[in-house]
């Protein structure tokens, strides 16, 4: 699957990139090599990737503007779950989290870069992966620390 980055500031559109290039070359690296918010390589302005998917249950589509991507390190060199931070409108803040993964075996003879949810469904996260993701979502401003504390306090009652 390819991604075309569109700048919200200068309007520049990049050539299509794969998921690894998107994470490593087109984010602000808020999370180091694990991604961040999508940025324009030309002006360093905020950027997005537009996606439209047909829904199975209706003759409708799901349109979203991917604003950021967070890779979730697993310790497996070829398997990388990640989330997209997306919005319903290109001018809105991210308000959706979409879980996916990619499998990169290109370093092996005949290897490929596969992307999506796979035949077994979406990515499976361990407890430590999920906690790491929650931490990154707080740092990204997607979740607030006070909201997470409210959830914890509700469970402690």
N, C-alpha and C. Protein backbone atom coordinates (compact mmCIF):
# COMPACT_ATOMS: atom_id res chain seq x y z
N UNK A 1 0.85 -1.16 0.00
CA UNK A 1 0.00 0.00 0.00
C UNK A 1 0.90 1.23 0.00
N UNK A 2 0.47 2.24 -0.72
CA UNK A 2 1.29 3.45 -0.80
C UNK A 2 0.57 4.63 -0.16
N UNK A 3 1.36 5.63 0.17
CA UNK A 3 0.86 6.81 0.88
C UNK A 3 1.38 8.05 0.19
N UNK A 4 0.48 8.96 -0.16
CA UNK A 4 0.87 10.24 -0.72
C UNK A 4 0.64 11.30 0.33
N UNK A 5 1.71 11.95 0.75
CA UNK A 5 1.63 12.99 1.78
C UNK A 5 1.24 14.31 1.14
N UNK A 6 0.23 14.97 1.72
CA UNK A 6 -0.25 16.26 1.25
C UNK A 6 -0.01 17.29 2.36
N UNK A 7 0.68 18.38 2.04
CA UNK A 7 0.98 19.40 3.03
C UNK A 7 -0.22 20.33 3.21
N UNK A 8 -0.57 20.60 4.46
CA UNK A 8 -1.65 21.53 4.77
C UNK A 8 -1.21 22.99 4.62
N UNK A 9 0.11 23.24 4.65
CA UNK A 9 0.62 24.60 4.58
C UNK A 9 0.95 25.04 3.16
N UNK A 10 1.88 24.34 2.51
CA UNK A 10 2.34 24.77 1.19
C UNK A 10 1.64 24.04 0.05
N UNK A 11 0.89 22.98 0.36
CA UNK A 11 0.14 22.26 -0.66
C UNK A 11 0.95 21.20 -1.41
N UNK A 12 2.24 21.07 -1.13
CA UNK A 12 3.07 20.10 -1.83
C UNK A 12 2.58 18.68 -1.59
N UNK A 13 2.60 17.88 -2.65
CA UNK A 13 2.26 16.46 -2.56
C UNK A 13 3.52 15.67 -2.87
N UNK A 14 3.83 14.72 -2.02
CA UNK A 14 5.02 13.90 -2.24
C UNK A 14 4.67 12.72 -3.13
N UNK A 15 5.69 12.13 -3.74
CA UNK A 15 5.43 10.86 -4.44
C UNK A 15 4.95 9.83 -3.44
N UNK A 16 4.40 8.78 -3.93
CA UNK A 16 3.88 7.74 -3.04
C UNK A 16 5.01 7.07 -2.28
N UNK A 17 4.74 6.76 -1.01
CA UNK A 17 5.71 6.12 -0.12
C UNK A 17 5.10 4.85 0.44
N UNK A 18 5.96 3.91 0.87
CA UNK A 18 5.44 2.75 1.60
C UNK A 18 5.37 3.11 3.08
N UNK A 19 4.85 2.20 3.90
CA UNK A 19 4.63 2.50 5.31
C UNK A 19 5.93 2.78 6.05
N UNK A 20 7.00 2.05 5.73
CA UNK A 20 8.28 2.27 6.40
C UNK A 20 8.82 3.66 6.07
N UNK A 21 8.76 4.05 4.80
CA UNK A 21 9.20 5.40 4.41
C UNK A 21 8.35 6.48 5.07
N UNK A 22 7.04 6.24 5.15
CA UNK A 22 6.15 7.21 5.79
C UNK A 22 6.57 7.44 7.24
N UNK A 23 6.79 6.36 7.98
CA UNK A 23 7.17 6.48 9.39
C UNK A 23 8.55 7.12 9.54
N UNK A 24 9.51 6.64 8.78
CA UNK A 24 10.89 7.06 8.99
C UNK A 24 11.27 8.38 8.34
N UNK A 25 10.58 8.78 7.25
CA UNK A 25 10.98 9.97 6.53
C UNK A 25 9.98 11.12 6.59
N UNK A 26 8.72 10.84 6.89
CA UNK A 26 7.69 11.87 6.78
C UNK A 26 6.99 12.18 8.09
N UNK A 27 7.64 11.89 9.23
CA UNK A 27 7.05 12.25 10.51
C UNK A 27 7.99 13.19 11.26
N UNK A 28 7.47 13.81 12.30
CA UNK A 28 8.29 14.72 13.11
C UNK A 28 9.17 13.99 14.12
N UNK A 29 9.13 12.66 14.12
CA UNK A 29 9.94 11.80 14.99
C UNK A 29 9.71 12.10 16.48
N UNK A 30 8.48 12.47 16.79
CA UNK A 30 8.11 12.70 18.20
C UNK A 30 8.42 11.46 19.04
N UNK A 31 8.38 10.30 18.41
CA UNK A 31 8.67 9.03 19.08
C UNK A 31 9.93 8.39 18.51
N UNK A 32 10.88 9.21 18.11
CA UNK A 32 12.12 8.71 17.53
C UNK A 32 11.85 7.95 16.25
N UNK A 33 12.43 6.79 16.11
CA UNK A 33 12.25 6.00 14.89
C UNK A 33 10.86 5.37 14.82
N UNK A 34 10.05 5.53 15.86
CA UNK A 34 8.71 4.96 15.87
C UNK A 34 7.63 5.92 15.38
N UNK A 35 8.04 7.04 14.78
CA UNK A 35 7.08 7.92 14.13
C UNK A 35 6.68 9.14 14.91
N UNK A 36 5.53 9.67 14.54
CA UNK A 36 5.00 10.90 15.11
C UNK A 36 3.96 11.47 14.17
N UNK A 37 3.81 12.79 14.20
CA UNK A 37 2.87 13.45 13.30
C UNK A 37 3.50 13.61 11.92
N UNK A 38 2.68 13.54 10.89
CA UNK A 38 3.16 13.61 9.51
C UNK A 38 3.53 15.06 9.19
N UNK A 39 4.70 15.24 8.58
CA UNK A 39 5.23 16.56 8.25
C UNK A 39 5.60 16.63 6.77
N UNK A 40 5.56 17.83 6.23
CA UNK A 40 5.97 18.09 4.86
C UNK A 40 7.50 18.18 4.81
N UNK A 41 8.11 17.50 3.87
CA UNK A 41 9.56 17.54 3.72
C UNK A 41 10.02 18.89 3.15
N UNK A 42 9.14 19.59 2.45
CA UNK A 42 9.48 20.86 1.82
C UNK A 42 9.51 22.01 2.83
N UNK A 43 8.42 22.20 3.58
CA UNK A 43 8.31 23.36 4.47
C UNK A 43 8.23 22.99 5.95
N UNK A 44 8.21 21.69 6.26
CA UNK A 44 8.09 21.17 7.62
C UNK A 44 6.73 21.48 8.25
N UNK A 45 5.76 21.82 7.43
CA UNK A 45 4.41 22.08 7.91
C UNK A 45 3.65 20.80 8.20
N UNK A 46 2.51 20.93 8.84
CA UNK A 46 1.65 19.77 9.11
C UNK A 46 1.15 19.21 7.80
N UNK A 47 1.09 17.89 7.73
CA UNK A 47 0.66 17.22 6.52
C UNK A 47 -0.27 16.06 6.89
N UNK A 48 -0.82 15.42 5.89
CA UNK A 48 -1.73 14.30 6.11
C UNK A 48 -1.70 13.37 4.91
N UNK A 49 -2.28 12.20 5.10
CA UNK A 49 -2.51 11.25 4.02
C UNK A 49 -4.01 11.00 3.97
N UNK A 50 -4.61 11.22 2.81
CA UNK A 50 -6.05 11.00 2.65
C UNK A 50 -6.30 9.54 2.30
N UNK A 51 -7.28 8.94 2.95
CA UNK A 51 -7.67 7.56 2.68
C UNK A 51 -9.19 7.47 2.60
N UNK A 52 -9.65 6.64 1.67
CA UNK A 52 -11.07 6.40 1.49
C UNK A 52 -11.24 4.89 1.32
N UNK A 53 -12.12 4.29 2.11
CA UNK A 53 -12.35 2.85 2.07
C UNK A 53 -13.83 2.56 1.94
N UNK A 54 -14.15 1.60 1.11
CA UNK A 54 -15.53 1.18 0.96
C UNK A 54 -15.92 0.33 2.17
N UNK A 55 -17.08 0.60 2.75
CA UNK A 55 -17.58 -0.18 3.88
C UNK A 55 -18.31 -1.42 3.37
N UNK A 56 -18.18 -2.53 4.07
CA UNK A 56 -18.80 -3.78 3.64
C UNK A 56 -20.31 -3.82 3.81
N UNK A 57 -20.78 -3.25 4.92
CA UNK A 57 -22.20 -3.41 5.22
C UNK A 57 -23.12 -2.46 4.50
N UNK A 58 -22.58 -1.44 3.86
CA UNK A 58 -23.42 -0.46 3.17
C UNK A 58 -22.70 0.00 1.91
N UNK A 59 -23.39 0.72 1.11
CA UNK A 59 -22.77 1.33 -0.07
C UNK A 59 -22.20 2.69 0.31
N UNK A 60 -21.50 2.73 1.42
CA UNK A 60 -20.91 3.97 1.92
C UNK A 60 -19.40 3.83 1.97
N UNK A 61 -18.73 4.94 2.23
CA UNK A 61 -17.28 4.91 2.35
C UNK A 61 -16.86 5.54 3.68
N UNK A 62 -15.67 5.17 4.10
CA UNK A 62 -15.05 5.74 5.28
C UNK A 62 -13.90 6.61 4.80
N UNK A 63 -14.05 7.91 4.99
CA UNK A 63 -13.01 8.85 4.60
C UNK A 63 -12.29 9.32 5.85
N UNK A 64 -10.96 9.37 5.76
CA UNK A 64 -10.17 9.82 6.90
C UNK A 64 -8.90 10.50 6.41
N UNK A 65 -8.40 11.33 7.29
CA UNK A 65 -7.15 12.05 7.03
C UNK A 65 -6.16 11.60 8.08
N UNK A 66 -5.17 10.85 7.66
CA UNK A 66 -4.16 10.33 8.58
C UNK A 66 -3.21 11.46 8.93
N UNK A 67 -3.13 11.78 10.22
CA UNK A 67 -2.32 12.90 10.70
C UNK A 67 -1.01 12.43 11.33
N UNK A 68 -0.98 11.19 11.82
CA UNK A 68 0.21 10.68 12.47
C UNK A 68 0.25 9.18 12.43
N UNK A 69 1.42 8.63 12.72
CA UNK A 69 1.60 7.19 12.75
C UNK A 69 2.57 6.84 13.88
N UNK A 70 2.19 5.83 14.67
CA UNK A 70 3.02 5.39 15.79
C UNK A 70 3.30 3.90 15.62
N UNK A 71 4.56 3.57 15.42
CA UNK A 71 4.97 2.16 15.35
C UNK A 71 5.12 1.64 16.79
N UNK A 72 4.69 0.40 17.01
CA UNK A 72 4.74 -0.22 18.33
C UNK A 72 5.84 -1.29 18.29
N UNK A 73 7.00 -1.01 18.90
CA UNK A 73 8.09 -1.99 18.84
C UNK A 73 7.73 -3.29 19.54
N UNK A 74 8.05 -4.43 18.88
CA UNK A 74 7.71 -5.74 19.44
C UNK A 74 8.91 -6.59 19.78
N UNK A 75 10.08 -6.23 19.28
CA UNK A 75 11.24 -7.08 19.46
C UNK A 75 11.41 -8.08 18.33
N UNK A 76 10.41 -8.18 17.45
CA UNK A 76 10.52 -9.03 16.26
C UNK A 76 10.94 -8.14 15.10
N UNK A 77 12.07 -8.43 14.45
CA UNK A 77 12.57 -7.53 13.42
C UNK A 77 11.68 -7.39 12.19
N UNK A 78 10.84 -8.37 11.90
CA UNK A 78 10.03 -8.30 10.69
C UNK A 78 8.58 -7.90 10.93
N UNK A 79 8.11 -7.95 12.18
CA UNK A 79 6.70 -7.68 12.49
C UNK A 79 6.57 -6.37 13.25
N UNK A 80 5.78 -5.45 12.71
CA UNK A 80 5.61 -4.14 13.34
C UNK A 80 4.16 -3.71 13.36
N UNK A 81 3.47 -3.84 14.50
CA UNK A 81 2.15 -3.24 14.60
C UNK A 81 2.31 -1.72 14.70
N UNK A 82 1.29 -1.00 14.27
CA UNK A 82 1.31 0.46 14.35
C UNK A 82 -0.11 0.96 14.38
N UNK A 83 -0.26 2.23 14.73
CA UNK A 83 -1.57 2.87 14.67
C UNK A 83 -1.45 4.14 13.84
N UNK A 84 -2.52 4.42 13.15
CA UNK A 84 -2.68 5.73 12.51
C UNK A 84 -3.49 6.60 13.44
N UNK A 85 -3.11 7.86 13.57
CA UNK A 85 -3.93 8.87 14.22
C UNK A 85 -4.62 9.61 13.09
N UNK A 86 -5.94 9.57 13.07
CA UNK A 86 -6.67 10.11 11.93
C UNK A 86 -7.80 11.03 12.38
N UNK A 87 -8.29 11.80 11.42
CA UNK A 87 -9.41 12.72 11.64
C UNK A 87 -10.40 12.57 10.49
N UNK A 88 -11.62 13.01 10.72
CA UNK A 88 -12.66 12.95 9.69
C UNK A 88 -12.53 14.07 8.68
N UNK A 89 -11.80 15.13 9.04
CA UNK A 89 -11.62 16.28 8.16
C UNK A 89 -10.15 16.69 8.19
N UNK A 90 -9.64 17.17 7.08
CA UNK A 90 -8.21 17.51 7.01
C UNK A 90 -7.81 18.63 7.95
N UNK A 91 -8.75 19.45 8.38
CA UNK A 91 -8.44 20.56 9.28
C UNK A 91 -8.66 20.23 10.76
N UNK A 92 -9.18 19.04 11.05
CA UNK A 92 -9.45 18.64 12.43
C UNK A 92 -8.23 17.99 13.07
N UNK A 93 -8.22 18.00 14.41
CA UNK A 93 -7.23 17.26 15.18
C UNK A 93 -7.56 15.76 15.05
N UNK A 94 -6.55 14.93 15.20
CA UNK A 94 -6.78 13.48 15.16
C UNK A 94 -7.74 13.08 16.28
N UNK A 95 -8.75 12.28 15.91
CA UNK A 95 -9.73 11.81 16.90
C UNK A 95 -10.07 10.33 16.70
N UNK A 96 -9.25 9.64 15.89
CA UNK A 96 -9.45 8.22 15.63
C UNK A 96 -8.10 7.51 15.71
N UNK A 97 -8.13 6.26 16.17
CA UNK A 97 -6.94 5.41 16.17
C UNK A 97 -7.27 4.17 15.36
N UNK A 98 -6.48 3.93 14.32
CA UNK A 98 -6.67 2.76 13.47
C UNK A 98 -5.48 1.81 13.66
N UNK A 99 -5.75 0.57 14.05
CA UNK A 99 -4.70 -0.42 14.31
C UNK A 99 -4.41 -1.23 13.05
N UNK A 100 -3.14 -1.35 12.72
CA UNK A 100 -2.68 -2.13 11.57
C UNK A 100 -1.32 -2.73 11.91
N UNK A 101 -0.74 -3.45 10.98
CA UNK A 101 0.64 -3.89 11.14
C UNK A 101 1.26 -4.04 9.76
N UNK A 102 2.57 -4.08 9.74
CA UNK A 102 3.25 -4.46 8.51
C UNK A 102 4.28 -5.54 8.85
N UNK A 103 4.58 -6.33 7.84
CA UNK A 103 5.58 -7.38 7.96
C UNK A 103 6.59 -7.14 6.86
N UNK A 104 7.84 -6.85 7.27
CA UNK A 104 8.88 -6.50 6.31
C UNK A 104 9.94 -7.58 6.27
N UNK A 105 9.89 -8.39 5.24
CA UNK A 105 10.89 -9.45 5.05
C UNK A 105 11.76 -9.16 3.83
N UNK A 106 11.84 -7.89 3.43
CA UNK A 106 12.62 -7.53 2.23
C UNK A 106 14.10 -7.85 2.38
N UNK A 107 14.62 -7.93 3.61
CA UNK A 107 16.04 -8.25 3.80
C UNK A 107 16.34 -9.72 3.47
N UNK A 108 15.32 -10.54 3.43
CA UNK A 108 15.47 -11.95 3.10
C UNK A 108 15.33 -12.14 1.59
N UNK A 109 15.92 -13.18 1.07
CA UNK A 109 15.80 -13.45 -0.36
C UNK A 109 14.33 -13.69 -0.72
N UNK A 110 13.84 -12.95 -1.68
CA UNK A 110 12.45 -13.06 -2.10
C UNK A 110 11.48 -12.41 -1.13
N UNK A 111 11.98 -11.67 -0.14
CA UNK A 111 11.12 -11.06 0.86
C UNK A 111 10.29 -9.92 0.32
N UNK A 112 9.24 -9.58 1.05
CA UNK A 112 8.33 -8.52 0.63
C UNK A 112 7.96 -7.64 1.83
N UNK A 113 7.26 -6.58 1.53
CA UNK A 113 6.68 -5.70 2.54
C UNK A 113 5.17 -5.86 2.46
N UNK A 114 4.59 -6.53 3.46
CA UNK A 114 3.15 -6.74 3.51
C UNK A 114 2.56 -5.79 4.53
N UNK A 115 1.32 -5.41 4.31
CA UNK A 115 0.72 -4.36 5.12
C UNK A 115 -0.77 -4.61 5.28
N UNK A 116 -1.30 -4.32 6.45
CA UNK A 116 -2.74 -4.41 6.63
C UNK A 116 -3.13 -5.02 7.94
N UNK A 117 -4.16 -5.87 7.88
CA UNK A 117 -4.63 -6.53 9.08
C UNK A 117 -4.38 -8.02 9.02
N UNK A 118 -4.03 -8.55 7.88
CA UNK A 118 -3.62 -9.95 7.75
C UNK A 118 -4.75 -10.94 7.83
N UNK A 119 -4.45 -12.19 7.48
CA UNK A 119 -5.48 -13.23 7.48
C UNK A 119 -5.97 -13.58 8.88
N UNK A 120 -5.17 -13.30 9.90
CA UNK A 120 -5.59 -13.60 11.28
C UNK A 120 -6.22 -12.41 11.98
N UNK A 121 -6.45 -11.33 11.25
CA UNK A 121 -7.05 -10.14 11.84
C UNK A 121 -6.00 -9.09 12.15
N UNK A 122 -6.37 -8.15 12.99
CA UNK A 122 -5.50 -7.04 13.35
C UNK A 122 -4.36 -7.48 14.24
N UNK A 123 -3.48 -6.55 14.59
CA UNK A 123 -2.33 -6.89 15.42
C UNK A 123 -2.75 -7.28 16.84
N UNK A 124 -1.98 -8.19 17.43
CA UNK A 124 -2.19 -8.57 18.82
C UNK A 124 -1.11 -7.88 19.65
N UNK A 125 -1.52 -7.15 20.68
CA UNK A 125 -0.58 -6.41 21.50
C UNK A 125 -0.47 -7.05 22.88
N UNK A 126 0.75 -7.09 23.40
CA UNK A 126 0.93 -7.54 24.77
C UNK A 126 0.54 -6.39 25.70
N UNK A 127 0.48 -6.68 26.98
CA UNK A 127 0.15 -5.64 27.96
C UNK A 127 1.18 -4.51 27.91
N UNK A 128 2.47 -4.85 27.81
CA UNK A 128 3.50 -3.80 27.78
C UNK A 128 3.41 -2.98 26.49
N UNK A 129 3.05 -3.61 25.37
CA UNK A 129 2.87 -2.86 24.12
C UNK A 129 1.70 -1.88 24.25
N UNK A 130 0.62 -2.34 24.86
CA UNK A 130 -0.56 -1.48 25.03
C UNK A 130 -0.25 -0.31 25.95
N UNK A 131 0.47 -0.56 27.05
CA UNK A 131 0.84 0.53 27.96
C UNK A 131 1.78 1.52 27.27
N UNK A 132 2.71 1.01 26.46
CA UNK A 132 3.60 1.89 25.70
C UNK A 132 2.79 2.75 24.73
N UNK A 133 1.81 2.16 24.08
CA UNK A 133 0.96 2.92 23.16
C UNK A 133 0.16 3.99 23.91
N UNK A 134 -0.40 3.66 25.06
CA UNK A 134 -1.15 4.65 25.85
C UNK A 134 -0.24 5.81 26.23
N UNK A 135 0.98 5.51 26.63
CA UNK A 135 1.95 6.56 26.95
C UNK A 135 2.20 7.46 25.74
N UNK A 136 2.39 6.86 24.58
CA UNK A 136 2.64 7.65 23.36
C UNK A 136 1.41 8.47 22.96
N UNK A 137 0.23 7.92 23.18
CA UNK A 137 -1.00 8.67 22.86
C UNK A 137 -1.16 9.87 23.78
N UNK A 138 -0.68 9.76 25.02
CA UNK A 138 -0.69 10.92 25.94
C UNK A 138 0.31 11.96 25.47
N UNK A 139 1.53 11.52 25.14
CA UNK A 139 2.57 12.43 24.66
C UNK A 139 2.11 13.13 23.38
N UNK A 140 1.40 12.40 22.51
CA UNK A 140 0.92 12.97 21.25
C UNK A 140 -0.23 13.96 21.45
N UNK A 141 -0.81 13.97 22.64
CA UNK A 141 -1.95 14.84 22.89
C UNK A 141 -3.26 14.24 22.45
N UNK A 142 -3.25 12.98 22.03
CA UNK A 142 -4.48 12.31 21.62
C UNK A 142 -5.33 11.97 22.84
N UNK A 143 -4.67 11.51 23.90
CA UNK A 143 -5.32 11.26 25.19
C UNK A 143 -4.75 12.25 26.20
N UNK A 144 -5.57 12.64 27.17
CA UNK A 144 -5.03 13.49 28.23
C UNK A 144 -4.74 12.61 29.44
N UNK A 145 -3.74 13.00 30.20
CA UNK A 145 -3.39 12.27 31.41
C UNK A 145 -4.56 12.29 32.39
N UNK A 146 -5.29 13.39 32.45
CA UNK A 146 -6.43 13.46 33.38
C UNK A 146 -7.53 12.49 32.97
N UNK A 147 -7.76 12.29 31.67
CA UNK A 147 -8.77 11.32 31.24
C UNK A 147 -8.35 9.90 31.60
N UNK A 148 -7.06 9.59 31.43
CA UNK A 148 -6.57 8.26 31.80
C UNK A 148 -6.70 8.05 33.30
N UNK A 149 -6.39 9.09 34.08
CA UNK A 149 -6.53 8.99 35.54
C UNK A 149 -7.98 8.77 35.94
N UNK A 150 -8.93 9.40 35.24
CA UNK A 150 -10.35 9.20 35.53
C UNK A 150 -10.75 7.75 35.30
N UNK A 151 -10.25 7.14 34.23
CA UNK A 151 -10.56 5.74 33.95
C UNK A 151 -10.00 4.84 35.07
N UNK A 152 -8.77 5.11 35.48
CA UNK A 152 -8.15 4.33 36.55
C UNK A 152 -8.92 4.53 37.86
N UNK A 153 -9.27 5.76 38.18
CA UNK A 153 -9.99 6.04 39.42
C UNK A 153 -11.35 5.33 39.43
N UNK A 154 -12.00 5.28 38.30
CA UNK A 154 -13.30 4.60 38.20
C UNK A 154 -13.14 3.11 38.52
N UNK A 155 -12.06 2.51 38.11
CA UNK A 155 -11.80 1.09 38.33
C UNK A 155 -11.37 0.83 39.78
N UNK A 156 -10.79 1.82 40.44
CA UNK A 156 -10.31 1.65 41.82
C UNK A 156 -11.44 1.77 42.84
N UNK A 157 -12.60 2.18 42.43
CA UNK A 157 -13.73 2.35 43.35
C UNK A 157 -14.31 1.01 43.75
